[in-house]
Amino acid sequence: MSVTTRKPATVGGILTEEFLQLFGLTQAALAEAMGVPRKRVNELCDDRRTVTALILARVFGNSPDFWLNVQRRTELRTVMHSPSERVRVERAKPLAPAA
């Protein structure tokens, strides 16, 4: 299996480029469809808020897993390529197996 150094697409990037543009939606229109404030959609598009998978799946007719997988790939890459985050992971101590 080959490893890529390319950053995965983020929820905000996919939401903006693949959904808002494709459907011809504004952030305000999406916010209304989602039943949330426009600021929340803006934060999603700018990758400053985590995904609301169930709501996005309902609005766009796809699965919550789609949105969660995008978020998961982004978060894993961020941790794996950030020295400070790697230190936090390495600090964690595995628990002994339960007897």
Protein backbone atom coordinates (compact mmCIF):
# COMPACT_ATOMS: atom_id res chain seq x y z
CA MET A 1 0.00 0.00 0.00
CA SER A 2 1.44 3.36 -0.96
CA VAL A 3 1.45 6.28 1.44
CA THR A 4 0.59 9.71 0.12
CA THR A 5 1.85 12.99 1.49
CA ARG A 6 -1.07 14.89 -0.02
CA LYS A 7 -3.44 16.43 2.51
CA PRO A 8 -6.89 14.87 2.48
CA ALA A 9 -9.86 17.00 1.54
CA THR A 10 -11.46 18.61 4.56
CA VAL A 11 -15.14 18.74 5.44
CA GLY A 12 -15.13 22.47 4.72
CA GLY A 13 -13.44 22.02 1.37
CA ILE A 14 -15.82 19.30 0.24
CA LEU A 15 -18.83 21.15 1.59
CA THR A 16 -17.86 24.34 -0.23
CA GLU A 17 -16.55 22.96 -3.52
CA GLU A 18 -18.61 19.83 -4.01
CA PHE A 19 -21.93 20.70 -2.40
CA LEU A 20 -22.53 24.44 -2.09
CA GLN A 21 -21.22 25.17 -5.57
CA LEU A 22 -22.81 22.08 -7.12
CA PHE A 23 -26.23 22.85 -5.64
CA GLY A 24 -25.85 26.61 -6.17
CA LEU A 25 -26.35 27.26 -2.45
CA THR A 26 -25.19 30.10 -0.27
CA GLN A 27 -24.07 29.52 3.28
CA ALA A 28 -27.24 31.27 4.41
CA ALA A 29 -29.43 28.91 2.37
CA LEU A 30 -27.61 25.87 3.74
CA ALA A 31 -27.96 27.20 7.27
CA GLU A 32 -31.70 27.55 6.76
CA ALA A 33 -31.96 24.01 5.35
CA MET A 34 -29.93 22.68 8.30
CA GLY A 35 -31.90 24.67 10.86
CA VAL A 36 -28.75 26.25 12.30
CA PRO A 37 -27.31 29.78 12.44
CA ARG A 38 -25.36 30.92 9.36
CA LYS A 39 -22.29 31.35 11.57
CA ARG A 40 -22.23 27.58 12.19
CA VAL A 41 -22.20 26.86 8.46
CA ASN A 42 -19.46 29.45 7.98
CA GLU A 43 -17.39 27.74 10.68
CA LEU A 44 -17.96 24.35 9.01
CA CYS A 45 -16.86 25.74 5.64
CA ASP A 46 -13.75 27.30 7.23
CA ASP A 47 -12.91 24.04 9.08
CA ARG A 48 -13.31 25.73 12.46
CA ARG A 49 -16.15 23.45 13.59
CA THR A 50 -16.53 19.70 13.55
CA VAL A 51 -19.01 18.07 11.25
CA THR A 52 -22.70 17.63 12.02
CA ALA A 53 -22.90 14.35 10.10
CA LEU A 54 -26.54 13.43 10.67
CA ILE A 55 -27.79 16.87 9.66
CA LEU A 56 -25.56 17.16 6.58
CA ALA A 57 -26.52 13.63 5.51
CA ARG A 58 -30.21 14.47 5.80
CA VAL A 59 -29.87 17.75 3.89
CA PHE A 60 -27.79 16.33 1.03
CA GLY A 61 -29.24 12.81 0.94
CA ASN A 62 -26.00 10.96 1.58
CA SER A 63 -24.77 8.98 4.58
CA PRO A 64 -23.46 10.25 7.93
CA ASP A 65 -20.51 7.90 7.36
CA PHE A 66 -19.45 9.97 4.35
CA TRP A 67 -19.06 13.11 6.48
CA LEU A 68 -17.53 11.27 9.44
CA ASN A 69 -14.95 9.55 7.22
CA VAL A 70 -13.89 12.88 5.73
CA GLN A 71 -13.47 14.29 9.23
CA ARG A 72 -11.65 11.17 10.44
CA ARG A 73 -9.10 11.27 7.60
CA THR A 74 -8.41 14.95 8.23
CA GLU A 75 -7.99 14.52 11.98
CA LEU A 76 -5.74 11.46 11.66
CA ARG A 77 -3.47 13.20 9.19
CA THR A 78 -3.28 16.28 11.40
CA VAL A 79 -2.20 14.21 14.39
CA MET A 80 0.25 12.07 12.43
CA HIS A 81 1.97 15.12 10.90
CA SER A 82 2.07 17.37 13.97
CA PRO A 83 5.02 16.88 16.33
CA SER A 84 3.13 18.33 19.30
CA GLU A 85 0.14 16.05 18.69
CA ARG A 86 2.44 13.03 18.30
CA VAL A 87 3.98 13.83 21.69
CA ARG A 88 0.49 13.82 23.24
CA VAL A 89 -0.22 10.41 21.71
CA GLU A 90 3.11 8.97 22.83
CA ARG A 91 2.42 10.15 26.42
CA ALA A 92 -0.57 7.84 26.60
CA LYS A 93 0.16 4.55 28.35
CA PRO A 94 -1.51 1.34 27.21
CA LEU A 95 -3.61 -0.35 29.89
CA ALA A 96 -2.75 -3.88 30.98
CA PRO A 97 -5.17 -6.46 29.59
CA ALA A 98 -8.02 -7.33 31.95
CA ALA A 99 -7.65 -10.69 33.65
